Amino acid sequence: MSALEGTLDDSDGASEADADLRRSLAAALGTVAISAEEFAAFSAALLSRHRNALRYRSEIDRPDISLPVRPVDWYSLGYQCTDPDVRPSRTLDYAAGDYFIQDAGSMLALAACQADAVPERNRLICDLCAAPGGKSSALLESIGDGFLLANEPIKSRIAPLAYNLARTGIDRYAISSLDPEVLHTRLGGVFDLVLADVPCSGQALLGRGKQSLAAVSPAQIEHSALRARRILAAAIGLLRPGGRLVLSTCTFAEAENESQVRWLLDKDGMAPEPIDRLAEYASDDSGCSYRLWPHRHRCAGSFAASLRSDIGAAVAAEPASGKKRKRREKPERLPDELGDWFGTAPQRSQVAGAVIRCLPEDAPSWAESISVAGPELAYRTGQTWKPSHEASLRRSGALRGVQSIEVDDSTARQYLSGQPIACGQTGWCVVRHRGRPLGWVKASRGTGKNHLPVAARMDVGVG
């Protein structure tokens, strides 16, 4: 029994179910330091719903933010909207990709990854359990001339991950869908940073109704901790010498958080990598573990830890054995229209069924061999090729739409609702609002036919 369990008073009028929940929570916290008085506030806040925060792009200055906001203390690009009547997901700025919406607690891991700082080197980053893409998109926005591998083992979760990465307008990534152990076997120790946002019991999701009270059961916690250790063992193997591992969860159980860090530090070659600016959120004496609490920090809560690999030499990937090498197929001819749409033909493209993907020329040599999705350039319906929505959002890289049309607020709202708009050009044009890309129209005779995907359409409010 934890020290906290012995201080709980079941005679305060709480229902039997509430008393059971508090006892289970106290047991889950283990030796984490929290007083009985504060525990009462924590257990109440845990079941409350907290508003999401806004994570802005680094190029957006505070004076340019049109919403009433206050800063998120632990992440310099994070803000919380202070007006409960404002819907940040129904603004032109959101539609244009100026910010992403996520819980402020999830930004703790981003702070540990230093995703809000200019990288000192071009990092090769792996997000090991990447869907739905809130953290991956932040890592991609900070990538500079580096490269991100967003790995999501569950194939059904690839679509939202791909959509969120596409919204960044950056093409320096690939998406894989491999078990972490298989990924380690394929690549070995090559990454400067691995983010392991491991599956967990999800206790921080209770207030959103996305998790049941089984999240605090000992059986669920033990199951989650064991599964996470298998993933973390693979994560260590993916690090280059001196590479960093960031562990992240959305739970409060010590067995899934601080205990995992102690287990990692017991392994040869792993050392704490403290983040000075997160010192006030330290949760133990390891020097590298941090917590956010729902009753203290106006968020659902989260855990993050930062470690470094001091292994002297990179672990090489194991050579494939016993498998027949696939016969190399003749590459499919790329459509001539690519030059019309983008001004040039891609130098490093991959035709995957009815989709053309295009990676930067300096992407890692292994990227195509393990990717199941990535920066799309075009797609085919029947025998007709069309430019992909993702390609219209491109803000960097060599391949961006040649033709574009700048629209005002009213026309942007009209376009985002799925309607055609006036357009004096001919052919495929990128619709831009204050220079920010929104999507394609195909223009003819003064009208731009709307090609915004249904999933990207929205009713944007006025003002």
Protein backbone atom coordinates (compact mmCIF):
# COMPACT_ATOMS: atom_id res chain seq x y z
CA MET A 1 0.00 0.00 0.00
CA SER A 2 1.27 3.48 -0.86
CA ALA A 3 1.67 6.10 1.86
CA LEU A 4 -1.15 8.12 0.30
CA GLU A 5 -3.61 5.21 0.47
CA GLY A 6 -3.33 5.14 4.24
CA THR A 7 -4.43 8.79 4.51
CA LEU A 8 -7.66 8.50 2.53
CA ASP A 9 -10.87 9.12 4.46
CA ASP A 10 -13.86 7.14 3.23
CA SER A 11 -16.23 8.88 5.65
CA ASP A 12 -16.58 12.12 3.69
CA GLY A 13 -19.88 11.21 2.08
CA ALA A 14 -18.39 10.03 -1.21
CA SER A 15 -20.18 7.24 -3.04
CA GLU A 16 -18.66 3.77 -2.95
CA ALA A 17 -17.71 4.12 -6.63
CA ASP A 18 -15.91 7.44 -5.98
CA ALA A 19 -14.14 5.97 -2.96
CA ASP A 20 -13.00 2.99 -5.06
CA LEU A 21 -11.72 5.34 -7.76
CA ARG A 22 -9.70 7.36 -5.24
CA ARG A 23 -8.20 4.25 -3.71
CA SER A 24 -7.22 2.94 -7.14
CA LEU A 25 -5.73 6.30 -8.10
CA ALA A 26 -3.75 6.46 -4.86
CA ALA A 27 -2.39 2.97 -5.47
CA ALA A 28 -1.48 3.90 -9.06
CA LEU A 29 0.48 6.97 -7.94
CA GLY A 30 2.69 4.79 -5.76
CA THR A 31 5.53 6.82 -4.27
CA VAL A 32 4.84 9.98 -6.28
CA ALA A 33 4.89 12.87 -3.82
CA ILE A 34 1.45 14.40 -3.36
CA SER A 35 -0.32 15.33 -0.13
CA ALA A 36 -3.74 14.03 0.87
CA GLU A 37 -5.19 17.53 0.49
CA GLU A 38 -3.77 17.97 -2.99
CA PHE A 39 -4.83 14.45 -3.95
CA ALA A 40 -8.46 15.43 -3.37
CA ALA A 41 -8.10 18.34 -5.81
CA PHE A 42 -6.32 16.08 -8.31
CA SER A 43 -8.96 13.34 -8.26
CA ALA A 44 -11.72 15.92 -8.80
CA ALA A 45 -9.87 17.69 -11.63
CA LEU A 46 -9.10 14.38 -13.31
CA LEU A 47 -12.77 13.91 -14.15
CA SER A 48 -13.20 17.48 -15.43
CA ARG A 49 -12.94 18.42 -19.08
CA HIS A 50 -10.15 20.86 -19.95
CA ARG A 51 -10.22 23.07 -23.05
CA ASN A 52 -7.72 22.32 -25.75
CA ALA A 53 -4.83 24.68 -26.38
CA LEU A 54 -3.44 26.14 -29.59
CA ARG A 55 0.03 25.30 -30.90
CA TYR A 56 1.16 28.01 -33.29
CA ARG A 57 3.78 27.86 -36.00
CA SER A 58 7.10 29.39 -35.02
CA GLU A 59 6.75 32.12 -37.67
CA ILE A 60 3.56 33.48 -36.07
CA ASP A 61 4.41 36.35 -33.73
CA ARG A 62 2.35 36.99 -30.61
CA PRO A 63 1.00 40.36 -31.91
CA ASP A 64 -0.32 38.52 -35.00
CA ILE A 65 -2.52 36.17 -32.94
CA SER A 66 -6.08 37.37 -33.37
CA LEU A 67 -7.63 35.31 -30.56
CA PRO A 68 -7.63 36.22 -26.84
CA VAL A 69 -4.96 33.91 -25.44
CA ARG A 70 -2.56 33.34 -22.55
CA PRO A 71 0.74 31.48 -22.98
CA VAL A 72 1.33 27.86 -22.03
CA ASP A 73 4.13 28.11 -19.49
CA TRP A 74 6.10 25.04 -20.54
CA TYR A 75 5.97 25.47 -24.33
CA SER A 76 6.76 28.75 -26.04
CA LEU A 77 4.53 28.10 -29.07
CA GLY A 78 1.52 27.05 -26.99
CA TYR A 79 -1.41 29.26 -26.02
CA GLN A 80 -4.76 28.76 -24.33
CA CYS A 81 -7.82 30.66 -25.54
CA THR A 82 -9.30 32.68 -22.68
CA ASP A 83 -12.74 33.28 -24.21
CA PRO A 84 -15.03 30.24 -23.75
CA ASP A 85 -17.33 31.49 -26.51
CA VAL A 86 -14.60 31.39 -29.17
CA ARG A 87 -14.30 28.27 -31.32
CA PRO A 88 -10.67 28.17 -32.52
CA SER A 89 -11.48 25.34 -34.96
CA ARG A 90 -13.78 27.67 -36.94
CA THR A 91 -11.40 30.43 -37.96
CA LEU A 92 -9.62 31.27 -41.19
CA ASP A 93 -6.29 31.13 -39.35
CA TYR A 94 -6.96 27.53 -38.31
CA ALA A 95 -8.08 26.59 -41.82
CA ALA A 96 -4.85 28.09 -43.16
CA GLY A 97 -2.73 26.01 -40.79
CA ASP A 98 -1.48 28.81 -38.55
CA TYR A 99 -2.09 26.62 -35.51
CA PHE A 100 -2.97 23.10 -34.42
CA ILE A 101 -5.39 22.27 -31.62
CA GLN A 102 -4.31 19.84 -28.88
CA ASP A 103 -4.28 19.47 -25.11
CA ALA A 104 -1.69 21.69 -23.45
CA GLY A 105 -0.43 18.64 -21.57
CA SER A 106 0.73 17.01 -24.80
CA MET A 107 3.10 19.94 -25.29
CA LEU A 108 5.21 18.75 -22.36
CA ALA A 109 6.71 16.05 -24.58
CA LEU A 110 7.27 18.64 -27.30
CA ALA A 111 9.14 20.81 -24.81
CA ALA A 112 11.29 17.81 -23.90
CA CYS A 113 11.95 17.31 -27.64
CA GLN A 114 12.79 21.05 -27.90
CA ALA A 115 10.39 21.33 -30.82
CA ASP A 116 9.93 25.06 -30.18
CA ALA A 117 13.63 25.82 -30.59
CA VAL A 118 15.73 26.27 -33.72
CA PRO A 119 17.60 22.96 -34.15
CA GLU A 120 21.35 23.13 -33.68
CA ARG A 121 21.76 20.48 -36.36
CA ASN A 122 19.60 18.84 -39.00
CA ARG A 123 18.11 16.09 -36.91
CA LEU A 124 16.85 12.68 -38.03
CA ILE A 125 13.77 12.13 -35.86
CA CYS A 126 11.50 9.14 -35.31
CA ASP A 127 8.05 9.44 -33.75
CA LEU A 128 7.60 5.79 -32.87
CA CYS A 129 3.83 5.75 -32.13
CA ALA A 130 2.83 8.77 -34.18
CA ALA A 131 -0.96 8.83 -34.74
CA PRO A 132 -3.02 10.94 -34.76
CA GLY A 133 -0.17 13.36 -35.44
CA GLY A 134 -0.41 16.20 -32.93
CA LYS A 135 3.17 15.72 -31.75
CA SER A 136 4.46 14.53 -35.15
CA SER A 137 3.22 17.70 -36.85
CA ALA A 138 5.06 19.82 -34.28
CA LEU A 139 8.25 17.85 -34.81
CA LEU A 140 7.87 18.27 -38.56
CA GLU A 141 7.38 22.03 -38.25
CA SER A 142 10.68 22.18 -36.35
CA ILE A 143 12.59 19.86 -38.70
CA GLY A 144 14.51 22.50 -40.68
CA ASP A 145 16.57 20.53 -43.19
CA GLY A 146 16.30 17.33 -41.16
CA PHE A 147 13.88 14.44 -41.71
CA LEU A 148 11.03 12.87 -39.74
CA LEU A 149 9.93 9.25 -39.78
CA ALA A 150 6.40 9.05 -38.38
CA ASN A 151 5.78 5.41 -37.51
CA GLU A 152 2.29 4.18 -36.61
CA PRO A 153 2.00 0.39 -36.09
CA ILE A 154 -1.83 0.42 -36.34
CA LYS A 155 -2.69 0.80 -40.03
CA SER A 156 -6.22 2.09 -39.41
CA ARG A 157 -4.69 5.19 -37.78
CA ILE A 158 -2.51 6.15 -40.77
CA ALA A 159 -5.15 8.36 -42.45
CA PRO A 160 -5.48 10.98 -39.65
CA LEU A 161 -1.71 10.97 -39.20
CA ALA A 162 -1.16 11.63 -42.90
CA TYR A 163 -3.76 14.41 -42.90
CA ASN A 164 -2.19 16.21 -39.94
CA LEU A 165 1.30 16.00 -41.40
CA ALA A 166 -0.01 17.30 -44.73
CA ARG A 167 -1.44 20.38 -42.96
CA THR A 168 2.09 21.50 -42.07
CA GLY A 169 2.91 22.12 -45.74
CA ILE A 170 6.33 20.48 -45.24
CA ASP A 171 7.52 17.48 -47.25
CA ARG A 172 10.46 16.29 -45.17
CA TYR A 173 8.88 13.14 -43.78
CA ALA A 174 7.79 9.58 -44.47
CA ILE A 175 5.16 7.45 -42.74
CA SER A 176 5.83 3.82 -41.86
CA SER A 177 3.61 1.22 -40.20
CA LEU A 178 5.94 -1.26 -38.53
CA ASP A 179 6.10 -2.86 -35.12
CA PRO A 180 8.86 -0.96 -33.25
CA GLU A 181 10.94 -4.13 -32.93
CA VAL A 182 10.74 -4.71 -36.70
CA LEU A 183 11.63 -1.08 -37.36
CA HIS A 184 14.71 -1.45 -35.16
CA THR A 185 15.71 -4.58 -37.04
CA ARG A 186 15.31 -2.80 -40.38
CA LEU A 187 17.14 0.43 -39.56
CA GLY A 188 19.34 -0.03 -36.49
CA GLY A 189 20.63 2.95 -34.50
CA VAL A 190 20.33 5.95 -36.83
CA PHE A 191 18.12 8.56 -35.13
CA ASP A 192 19.15 11.73 -33.31
CA LEU A 193 15.82 11.78 -31.45
CA VAL A 194 13.17 9.13 -30.84
CA LEU A 195 9.85 10.17 -29.34
CA ALA A 196 8.12 7.18 -27.73
CA ASP A 197 4.60 8.39 -26.97
CA VAL A 198 3.75 4.89 -25.81
CA PRO A 199 0.27 3.38 -25.49
CA CYS A 200 -0.75 3.69 -21.85
CA SER A 201 -3.69 3.32 -19.49
CA GLY A 202 -4.80 6.82 -20.51
CA GLN A 203 -5.93 8.14 -17.15
CA ALA A 204 -5.65 11.74 -18.37
CA LEU A 205 -8.39 11.00 -20.90
CA LEU A 206 -11.03 10.25 -18.26
CA GLY A 207 -12.30 13.83 -18.25
CA ARG A 208 -12.89 13.72 -22.01
CA GLY A 209 -14.90 10.52 -21.82
CA LYS A 210 -12.32 8.77 -24.01
CA GLN A 211 -11.33 6.25 -21.34
CA SER A 212 -13.22 4.11 -18.84
CA LEU A 213 -12.53 3.73 -15.13
CA ALA A 214 -10.66 0.54 -16.03
CA ALA A 215 -7.75 2.93 -16.70
CA VAL A 216 -6.97 2.95 -12.97
CA SER A 217 -7.17 -0.82 -12.51
CA PRO A 218 -3.94 -2.62 -11.56
CA ALA A 219 -4.41 -5.10 -14.39
CA GLN A 220 -4.65 -2.37 -17.05
CA ILE A 221 -1.68 -0.50 -15.64
CA GLU A 222 0.48 -3.63 -15.56
CA HIS A 223 -0.54 -4.59 -19.10
CA SER A 224 0.25 -1.10 -20.40
CA ALA A 225 3.61 -0.95 -18.60
CA LEU A 226 4.75 -4.30 -20.02
CA ARG A 227 3.70 -3.34 -23.54
CA ALA A 228 5.50 -0.01 -23.23
CA ARG A 229 8.74 -1.68 -22.12
CA ARG A 230 8.85 -3.72 -25.31
CA ILE A 231 8.44 -0.52 -27.32
CA LEU A 232 11.05 1.34 -25.27
CA ALA A 233 13.59 -1.45 -25.74
CA ALA A 234 13.19 -1.02 -29.50
CA ALA A 235 13.40 2.77 -29.14
CA ILE A 236 16.81 2.50 -27.46
CA GLY A 237 18.07 0.44 -30.38
CA LEU A 238 16.96 3.09 -32.87
CA LEU A 239 19.19 5.79 -31.32
CA ARG A 240 22.57 6.77 -32.69
CA PRO A 241 25.37 7.31 -30.14
CA GLY A 242 24.46 10.47 -28.25
CA GLY A 243 20.88 10.33 -29.51
CA ARG A 244 17.98 11.33 -27.26
CA LEU A 245 14.92 9.36 -26.18
CA VAL A 246 11.80 11.17 -25.01
CA LEU A 247 9.22 9.00 -23.26
CA SER A 248 5.69 10.38 -23.12
CA THR A 249 2.38 9.17 -21.64
CA CYS A 250 -1.04 10.56 -20.80
CA THR A 251 -1.36 8.69 -17.53
CA PHE A 252 -0.42 9.21 -13.86
CA ALA A 253 0.52 5.66 -12.83
CA GLU A 254 4.05 5.49 -11.46
CA ALA A 255 4.52 2.04 -13.01
CA GLU A 256 4.05 3.56 -16.48
CA ASN A 257 6.12 6.69 -15.83
CA GLU A 258 8.91 7.06 -13.25
CA SER A 259 9.34 3.29 -12.89
CA GLN A 260 9.90 3.03 -16.64
CA VAL A 261 12.55 5.74 -16.44
CA ARG A 262 14.36 3.89 -13.65
CA TRP A 263 14.22 0.74 -15.78
CA LEU A 264 15.69 2.63 -18.73
CA LEU A 265 18.47 4.16 -16.63
CA ASP A 266 19.43 0.72 -15.37
CA LYS A 267 20.28 -0.26 -18.93
CA ASP A 268 23.86 0.10 -20.10
CA GLY A 269 24.43 3.25 -22.09
CA MET A 270 21.34 5.21 -21.02
CA ALA A 271 21.71 8.43 -19.01
CA PRO A 272 19.40 11.24 -17.87
CA GLU A 273 19.24 14.29 -20.15
CA PRO A 274 17.70 17.05 -18.00
CA ILE A 275 15.71 19.86 -19.61
CA ASP A 276 16.54 22.95 -17.53
CA ARG A 277 13.40 24.90 -18.38
CA LEU A 278 11.22 21.99 -17.17
CA ALA A 279 12.88 21.77 -13.75
CA GLU A 280 9.81 23.10 -11.92
CA TYR A 281 7.80 20.16 -13.27
CA ALA A 282 10.27 17.51 -12.06
CA SER A 283 8.49 14.52 -10.52
CA ASP A 284 11.36 12.69 -8.81
CA ASP A 285 15.11 12.84 -8.22
CA SER A 286 16.07 11.20 -11.54
CA GLY A 287 16.71 14.64 -13.01
CA CYS A 288 14.85 13.84 -16.22
CA SER A 289 11.20 13.03 -15.38
CA TYR A 290 8.44 15.63 -15.54
CA ARG A 291 4.72 15.75 -14.76
CA LEU A 292 1.79 18.03 -15.43
CA TRP A 293 -1.29 17.78 -13.21
CA PRO A 294 -4.89 18.71 -14.11
CA HIS A 295 -5.46 20.57 -10.84
CA ARG A 296 -2.26 22.63 -11.14
CA HIS A 297 -1.70 23.31 -14.81
CA ARG A 298 -5.06 23.85 -16.58
CA CYS A 299 -4.69 20.77 -18.78
CA ALA A 300 -5.58 17.07 -18.76
CA GLY A 301 -2.11 16.21 -17.43
CA SER A 302 0.82 14.27 -18.87
CA PHE A 303 4.25 12.78 -18.23
CA ALA A 304 7.52 13.12 -20.15
CA ALA A 305 11.11 12.05 -19.60
CA SER A 306 14.32 12.90 -21.45
CA LEU A 307 17.23 10.44 -21.71
CA ARG A 308 20.40 10.14 -23.76
CA SER A 309 22.13 7.15 -25.32
CA ASP A 310 25.81 7.01 -24.37
CA ILE A 311 26.45 3.79 -26.27
CA GLY A 312 29.80 4.09 -27.98
CA ALA A 313 28.90 2.80 -31.40
CA ALA A 314 25.78 2.67 -33.51
CA VAL A 315 24.02 -0.68 -33.69
CA ALA A 316 23.86 -1.67 -37.32
CA ALA A 317 20.67 -3.02 -38.80
CA GLU A 318 20.56 -6.76 -39.23
CA PRO A 319 20.84 -7.92 -42.84
CA ALA A 320 17.69 -9.51 -44.23
CA SER A 321 18.07 -13.28 -44.43
CA GLY A 322 15.99 -16.08 -45.81
CA LYS A 323 13.84 -13.74 -47.87
CA LYS A 324 13.71 -13.57 -51.61
CA ARG A 325 14.48 -10.18 -53.02
CA LYS A 326 11.51 -8.72 -54.81
CA ARG A 327 11.86 -8.39 -58.54
CA ARG A 328 12.44 -4.77 -59.42
CA GLU A 329 9.53 -3.52 -61.44
CA LYS A 330 9.87 -1.02 -64.23
CA PRO A 331 8.96 2.41 -62.81
CA GLU A 332 5.65 3.79 -64.02
CA ARG A 333 5.89 6.79 -66.29
CA LEU A 334 4.99 10.02 -64.56
CA PRO A 335 2.21 12.14 -66.07
CA ASP A 336 3.33 15.06 -68.23
CA GLU A 337 0.94 17.34 -66.36
CA LEU A 338 3.23 17.44 -63.32
CA GLY A 339 5.35 20.02 -65.09
CA ASP A 340 2.30 22.17 -65.76
CA TRP A 341 1.13 21.99 -62.14
CA PHE A 342 4.49 22.33 -60.37
CA GLY A 343 6.85 23.80 -62.95
CA THR A 344 9.25 20.85 -62.80
CA ALA A 345 9.27 17.09 -62.56
CA PRO A 346 10.12 15.41 -59.24
CA GLN A 347 13.63 14.04 -58.87
CA ARG A 348 12.70 11.40 -56.30
CA SER A 349 9.21 10.05 -56.81
CA GLN A 350 7.37 6.82 -56.08
CA VAL A 351 4.19 5.60 -57.77
CA ALA A 352 2.20 3.61 -55.21
CA GLY A 353 -0.98 2.37 -56.86
CA ALA A 354 -3.05 5.41 -57.72
CA VAL A 355 -0.84 7.87 -55.83
CA ILE A 356 2.46 9.59 -56.63
CA ARG A 357 4.61 10.41 -53.62
CA CYS A 358 7.66 12.62 -53.74
CA LEU A 359 10.46 12.86 -51.19
CA PRO A 360 13.20 15.50 -50.94
CA GLU A 361 16.31 14.52 -52.85
CA ASP A 362 18.37 14.36 -49.63
CA ALA A 363 15.90 12.16 -47.70
CA PRO A 364 17.45 9.00 -46.15
CA SER A 365 18.11 6.23 -48.65
CA TRP A 366 15.84 3.83 -46.74
CA ALA A 367 12.76 6.08 -46.74
CA GLU A 368 10.96 4.55 -49.73
CA SER A 369 11.60 0.98 -48.63
CA ILE A 370 9.69 1.29 -45.36
CA SER A 371 7.11 3.96 -46.10
CA VAL A 372 3.40 3.31 -46.57
CA ALA A 373 2.52 6.99 -47.00
CA GLY A 374 4.29 10.29 -47.39
CA PRO A 375 4.18 13.64 -49.17
CA GLU A 376 1.66 13.20 -51.99
CA LEU A 377 2.03 14.93 -55.31
CA ALA A 378 -0.82 13.52 -57.41
CA TYR A 379 -3.51 10.86 -57.46
CA ARG A 380 -5.37 9.04 -60.20
CA THR A 381 -9.10 8.59 -60.69
CA GLY A 382 -9.64 6.12 -63.53
CA GLN A 383 -7.09 7.16 -66.15
CA THR A 384 -6.93 10.79 -65.09
CA TRP A 385 -4.20 12.20 -62.86
CA LYS A 386 -4.99 15.16 -60.58
CA PRO A 387 -2.77 17.14 -58.18
CA SER A 388 -3.15 16.02 -54.54
CA HIS A 389 -4.64 18.33 -51.93
CA GLU A 390 -1.48 17.91 -49.88
CA ALA A 391 0.60 19.31 -52.75
CA SER A 392 -1.48 22.49 -52.74
CA LEU A 393 -0.57 23.10 -49.08
CA ARG A 394 3.18 22.93 -49.66
CA ARG A 395 4.99 25.87 -48.05
CA SER A 396 8.54 24.69 -48.72
CA GLY A 397 10.42 22.39 -51.05
CA ALA A 398 10.92 22.46 -54.81
CA LEU A 399 7.47 21.25 -55.86
CA ARG A 400 4.76 23.82 -55.23
CA GLY A 401 1.80 24.89 -57.33
CA VAL A 402 2.77 27.22 -60.17
CA GLN A 403 -0.52 29.07 -60.47
CA SER A 404 -2.30 30.64 -57.51
CA ILE A 405 -5.08 33.06 -56.73
CA GLU A 406 -5.21 35.35 -53.69
CA VAL A 407 -8.67 35.67 -52.09
CA ASP A 408 -10.23 37.91 -49.47
CA ASP A 409 -11.92 36.78 -46.25
CA SER A 410 -15.36 36.38 -47.78
CA THR A 411 -14.13 34.36 -50.76
CA ALA A 412 -11.96 32.22 -48.48
CA ARG A 413 -15.03 31.32 -46.41
CA GLN A 414 -16.94 30.55 -49.58
CA TYR A 415 -14.13 28.28 -50.78
CA LEU A 416 -13.74 26.49 -47.44
CA SER A 417 -17.45 25.66 -47.44
CA GLY A 418 -16.96 23.75 -50.70
CA GLN A 419 -18.42 26.26 -53.15
CA PRO A 420 -16.89 27.34 -56.48
CA ILE A 421 -15.26 30.77 -56.59
CA ALA A 422 -14.49 33.36 -59.25
CA CYS A 423 -11.09 32.79 -60.88
CA GLY A 424 -9.64 34.58 -63.90
CA GLN A 425 -6.98 31.97 -64.62
CA THR A 426 -7.19 28.64 -66.44
CA GLY A 427 -6.30 25.21 -65.12
CA TRP A 428 -5.23 24.14 -61.64
CA CYS A 429 -4.68 27.02 -59.21
CA VAL A 430 -3.81 27.13 -55.51
CA VAL A 431 -6.24 29.26 -53.50
CA ARG A 432 -4.36 31.49 -51.04
CA HIS A 433 -5.57 33.68 -48.20
CA ARG A 434 -3.00 36.24 -47.03
CA GLY A 435 -0.40 34.13 -48.81
CA ARG A 436 -1.35 30.93 -47.00
CA PRO A 437 -2.44 27.98 -49.18
CA LEU A 438 -5.91 26.51 -48.68
CA GLY A 439 -6.33 24.05 -51.58
CA TRP A 440 -6.94 23.69 -55.32
CA VAL A 441 -9.49 24.96 -57.79
CA LYS A 442 -9.62 23.98 -61.44
CA ALA A 443 -10.46 27.16 -63.28
CA SER A 444 -12.24 27.61 -66.58
CA ARG A 445 -14.25 30.51 -68.06
CA GLY A 446 -13.98 32.66 -64.98
CA THR A 447 -15.00 30.01 -62.42
CA GLY A 448 -12.79 27.92 -60.17
CA LYS A 449 -14.31 24.49 -59.51
CA ASN A 450 -13.74 23.60 -55.87
CA HIS A 451 -11.43 20.59 -55.29
CA LEU A 452 -11.16 20.90 -51.51
CA PRO A 453 -11.59 17.41 -49.96
CA VAL A 454 -14.76 16.95 -47.95
CA ALA A 455 -12.71 16.28 -44.80
CA ALA A 456 -11.03 19.70 -45.14
CA ARG A 457 -14.22 21.71 -45.62
CA MET A 458 -15.56 23.79 -42.77
CA ASP A 459 -18.01 26.48 -41.86
CA VAL A 460 -15.82 29.41 -40.85
CA GLY A 461 -17.35 32.09 -38.66
CA VAL A 462 -17.20 35.82 -39.32
CA GLY A 463 -14.89 37.95 -37.18
